[in-house]
C-alpha atoms as a PDB file:
ATOM      1  CA  MET A   1    -105.709  27.796  76.333  1.00  0.00           C
ATOM      2  CA  HIS A   2    -102.126  27.681  76.442  1.00  0.00           C
ATOM      3  CA  CYS A   3    -101.061  30.991  78.053  1.00  0.00           C
ATOM      4  CA  THR A   4    -100.243  32.008  81.446  1.00  0.00           C
ATOM      5  CA  ILE A   5    -102.418  34.283  83.637  1.00  0.00           C
ATOM      6  CA  ARG A   6     -99.825  37.008  83.033  1.00  0.00           C
ATOM      7  CA  GLN A   7    -100.109  36.853  79.651  1.00  0.00           C
ATOM      8  CA  ALA A   8    -104.189  36.814  79.670  1.00  0.00           C
ATOM      9  CA  VAL A   9    -103.896  39.785  81.890  1.00  0.00           C
ATOM     10  CA  GLY A  10    -101.584  41.790  79.603  1.00  0.00           C
ATOM     11  CA  ILE A  11    -103.987  41.103  76.579  1.00  0.00           C
ATOM     12  CA  TRP A  12    -106.984  41.964  78.645  1.00  0.00           C
ATOM     13  CA  ASP A  13    -105.297  45.238  79.678  1.00  0.00           C
ATOM     14  CA  GLU A  14    -104.951  46.175  76.160  1.00  0.00           C
ATOM     15  CA  LEU A  15    -108.668  45.280  75.083  1.00  0.00           C
ATOM     16  CA  LYS A  16    -109.914  47.199  78.124  1.00  0.00           C
ATOM     17  CA  ASP A  17    -107.907  50.330  77.007  1.00  0.00           C
ATOM     18  CA  ALA A  18    -109.280  50.203  73.653  1.00  0.00           C
ATOM     19  CA  TYR A  19    -112.900  49.622  75.227  1.00  0.00           C
ATOM     20  CA  ARG A  20    -112.426  52.946  76.974  1.00  0.00           C
ATOM     21  CA  ASN A  21    -111.065  54.287  73.605  1.00  0.00           C
ATOM     22  CA  CYS A  22    -107.544  55.260  75.187  1.00  0.00           C
ATOM     23  CA  ASN A  23    -105.399  52.431  73.876  1.00  0.00           C
ATOM     24  CA  GLY A  24    -102.053  53.723  73.149  1.00  0.00           C
ATOM     25  CA  TYR A  25    -101.879  52.203  69.580  1.00  0.00           C
ATOM     26  CA  GLY A  26    -105.192  53.599  68.316  1.00  0.00           C
ATOM     27  CA  GLY A  27    -107.706  54.475  70.679  1.00  0.00           C
ATOM     28  CA  ASP A  28    -110.449  51.866  70.074  1.00  0.00           C
ATOM     29  CA  THR A  29    -107.849  49.558  68.533  1.00  0.00           C
ATOM     30  CA  ALA A  30    -105.355  47.541  70.363  1.00  0.00           C
ATOM     31  CA  GLU A  31    -102.163  46.183  68.405  1.00  0.00           C
ATOM     32  CA  ILE A  32    -101.332  42.807  69.757  1.00  0.00           C
ATOM     33  CA  TYR A  33     -98.391  40.615  68.817  1.00  0.00           C
ATOM     34  CA  SER A  34     -98.930  37.058  68.684  1.00  0.00           C
ATOM     35  CA  TYR A  35     -95.537  36.226  70.153  1.00  0.00           C
ATOM     36  CA  ARG A  36     -97.085  37.476  73.725  1.00  0.00           C
ATOM     37  CA  LEU A  37     -98.986  34.339  73.823  1.00  0.00           C
ATOM     38  CA  GLU A  38     -96.723  31.886  72.211  1.00  0.00           C
ATOM     39  CA  GLU A  39     -95.380  29.028  74.030  1.00  0.00           C
ATOM     40  CA  TYR A  40     -91.399  29.235  73.722  1.00  0.00           C
ATOM     41  CA  SER A  41     -89.709  26.797  71.493  1.00  0.00           C
ATOM     42  CA  PRO A  42     -85.971  26.952  70.750  1.00  0.00           C
ATOM     43  CA  GLY A  43     -86.319  25.729  67.445  1.00  0.00           C
ATOM     44  CA  VAL A  44     -88.919  28.249  66.402  1.00  0.00           C
ATOM     45  CA  HIS A  45     -87.922  31.378  68.323  1.00  0.00           C
ATOM     46  CA  ASN A  46     -84.119  31.425  68.268  1.00  0.00           C
ATOM     47  CA  ARG A  47     -84.059  31.993  64.417  1.00  0.00           C
ATOM     48  CA  ARG A  48     -83.779  35.286  62.602  1.00  0.00           C
ATOM     49  CA  GLY A  49     -85.449  35.259  59.538  1.00  0.00           C
ATOM     50  CA  ASP A  50     -87.114  32.095  58.095  1.00  0.00           C
ATOM     51  CA  ILE A  51     -87.659  29.061  60.126  1.00  0.00           C
ATOM     52  CA  PRO A  52     -86.126  25.779  58.905  1.00  0.00           C
ATOM     53  CA  GLU A  53     -88.468  23.188  57.380  1.00  0.00           C
ATOM     54  CA  MET A  54     -87.839  20.882  60.026  1.00  0.00           C
ATOM     55  CA  PHE A  55     -89.561  23.477  62.563  1.00  0.00           C
ATOM     56  CA  LYS A  56     -92.177  24.852  60.702  1.00  0.00           C
ATOM     57  CA  GLU A  57     -94.901  22.309  61.618  1.00  0.00           C
ATOM     58  CA  ASP A  58     -94.015  23.427  65.269  1.00  0.00           C
ATOM     59  CA  ALA A  59     -94.363  26.988  64.283  1.00  0.00           C
ATOM     60  CA  VAL A  60     -97.532  26.661  62.683  1.00  0.00           C
ATOM     61  CA  ARG A  61     -98.930  24.658  65.911  1.00  0.00           C
ATOM     62  CA  ILE A  62     -97.698  27.451  68.248  1.00  0.00           C
ATOM     63  CA  ALA A  63     -99.149  30.248  66.026  1.00  0.00           C
ATOM     64  CA  VAL A  64    -102.352  28.431  65.999  1.00  0.00           C
ATOM     65  CA  ASP A  65    -102.470  28.071  69.741  1.00  0.00           C
ATOM     66  CA  ALA A  66    -101.500  31.725  70.318  1.00  0.00           C
ATOM     67  CA  ALA A  67    -104.371  32.660  67.885  1.00  0.00           C
ATOM     68  CA  ASN A  68    -106.961  30.103  69.953  1.00  0.00           C
ATOM     69  CA  ALA A  69    -105.774  31.560  72.932  1.00  0.00           C
ATOM     70  CA  LEU A  70    -106.330  35.393  71.855  1.00  0.00           C
ATOM     71  CA  LEU A  71    -109.541  34.311  70.526  1.00  0.00           C
ATOM     72  CA  GLU A  72    -110.620  32.943  73.969  1.00  0.00           C
ATOM     73  CA  ILE A  73    -109.699  36.138  75.629  1.00  0.00           C
ATOM     74  CA  ILE A  74    -111.472  38.159  73.095  1.00  0.00           C
ATOM     75  CA  VAL A  75    -114.709  36.125  73.578  1.00  0.00           C
ATOM     76  CA  LEU A  76    -114.676  36.394  77.020  1.00  0.00           C
ATOM     77  CA  PHE A  77    -114.051  40.103  76.948  1.00  0.00           C
ATOM     78  CA  ARG A  78    -117.143  40.549  74.458  1.00  0.00           C
ATOM     79  CA  GLU A  79    -119.322  38.659  76.758  1.00  0.00           C
ATOM     80  CA  LYS A  80    -118.468  40.514  79.890  1.00  0.00           C
ATOM     81  CA  TYR A  81    -118.541  44.117  77.902  1.00  0.00           C
ATOM     82  CA  GLU A  82    -121.339  43.350  75.479  1.00  0.00           C
ATOM     83  CA  CYS A  83    -119.356  44.868  72.840  1.00  0.00           C
ATOM     84  CA  ARG A  84    -118.476  44.056  69.100  1.00  0.00           C
ATOM     85  CA  ILE A  85    -114.937  43.377  68.312  1.00  0.00           C
ATOM     86  CA  THR A  86    -113.120  43.135  65.044  1.00  0.00           C
ATOM     87  CA  ILE A  87    -109.809  41.357  64.349  1.00  0.00           C
ATOM     88  CA  ASN A  88    -107.838  42.731  61.426  1.00  0.00           C
ATOM     89  CA  GLY A  89    -111.118  43.806  59.923  1.00  0.00           C
ATOM     90  CA  LEU A  90    -112.962  40.520  60.580  1.00  0.00           C
ATOM     91  CA  THR A  91    -115.669  39.365  62.549  1.00  0.00           C
ATOM     92  CA  ILE A  92    -115.099  36.950  65.141  1.00  0.00           C
ATOM     93  CA  PRO A  93    -116.717  34.062  63.134  1.00  0.00           C
ATOM     94  CA  GLN A  94    -114.599  35.129  60.002  1.00  0.00           C
ATOM     95  CA  TRP A  95    -111.585  35.184  62.189  1.00  0.00           C
ATOM     96  CA  LYS A  96    -112.245  31.587  63.550  1.00  0.00           C
ATOM     97  CA  LYS A  97    -112.308  30.401  59.827  1.00  0.00           C
ATOM     98  CA  GLU A  98    -109.082  32.060  59.039  1.00  0.00           C
ATOM     99  CA  ILE A  99    -107.503  30.383  62.105  1.00  0.00           C
ATOM    100  CA  LYS A 100    -108.840  26.920  60.932  1.00  0.00           C
ATOM    101  CA  LYS A 101    -107.051  27.592  57.477  1.00  0.00           C
ATOM    102  CA  GLU A 102    -103.848  28.717  59.392  1.00  0.00           C
ATOM    103  CA  ILE A 103    -103.937  32.033  57.864  1.00  0.00           C
ATOM    104  CA  LEU A 104    -101.918  33.501  60.885  1.00  0.00           C
ATOM    105  CA  PHE A 105    -100.217  36.998  61.365  1.00  0.00           C
ATOM    106  CA  HIS A 106     -97.593  38.020  63.829  1.00  0.00           C
ATOM    107  CA  ARG A 107     -99.639  41.308  64.580  1.00  0.00           C
ATOM    108  CA  TYR A 108    -103.373  41.631  65.215  1.00  0.00           C
ATOM    109  CA  HIS A 109    -105.436  44.874  65.247  1.00  0.00           C
ATOM    110  CA  VAL A 110    -108.442  44.073  67.544  1.00  0.00           C
ATOM    111  CA  LYS A 111    -111.071  47.047  67.361  1.00  0.00           C
ATOM    112  CA  ILE A 112    -113.647  47.397  69.954  1.00  0.00           C
ATOM    113  CA  ILE A 113    -116.761  48.893  68.751  1.00  0.00           C
END
């Protein structure tokens, strides 16, 4: 997993609030932006609008790494609290397939059931 302890704890706190049904976004749903878990890359992150072709491969790799880091945190959280979790309305196995297909978003809605 490529994220700092500070990043992981920040996501964990969001999930814990959703588990307690008191998340500021939507009670049982946390809104998590992928940039919070992304590795910084000047070619990808210092742009406005579209990413130039020469940086697209880097951008996809960074987004996939962030999605996988989020997935690892979510799976660990689910194991600890024995709860059901959906990401953008998908189960964890469904979402894993989306990551493999590189269908990624800048924002994820993580619901704790």
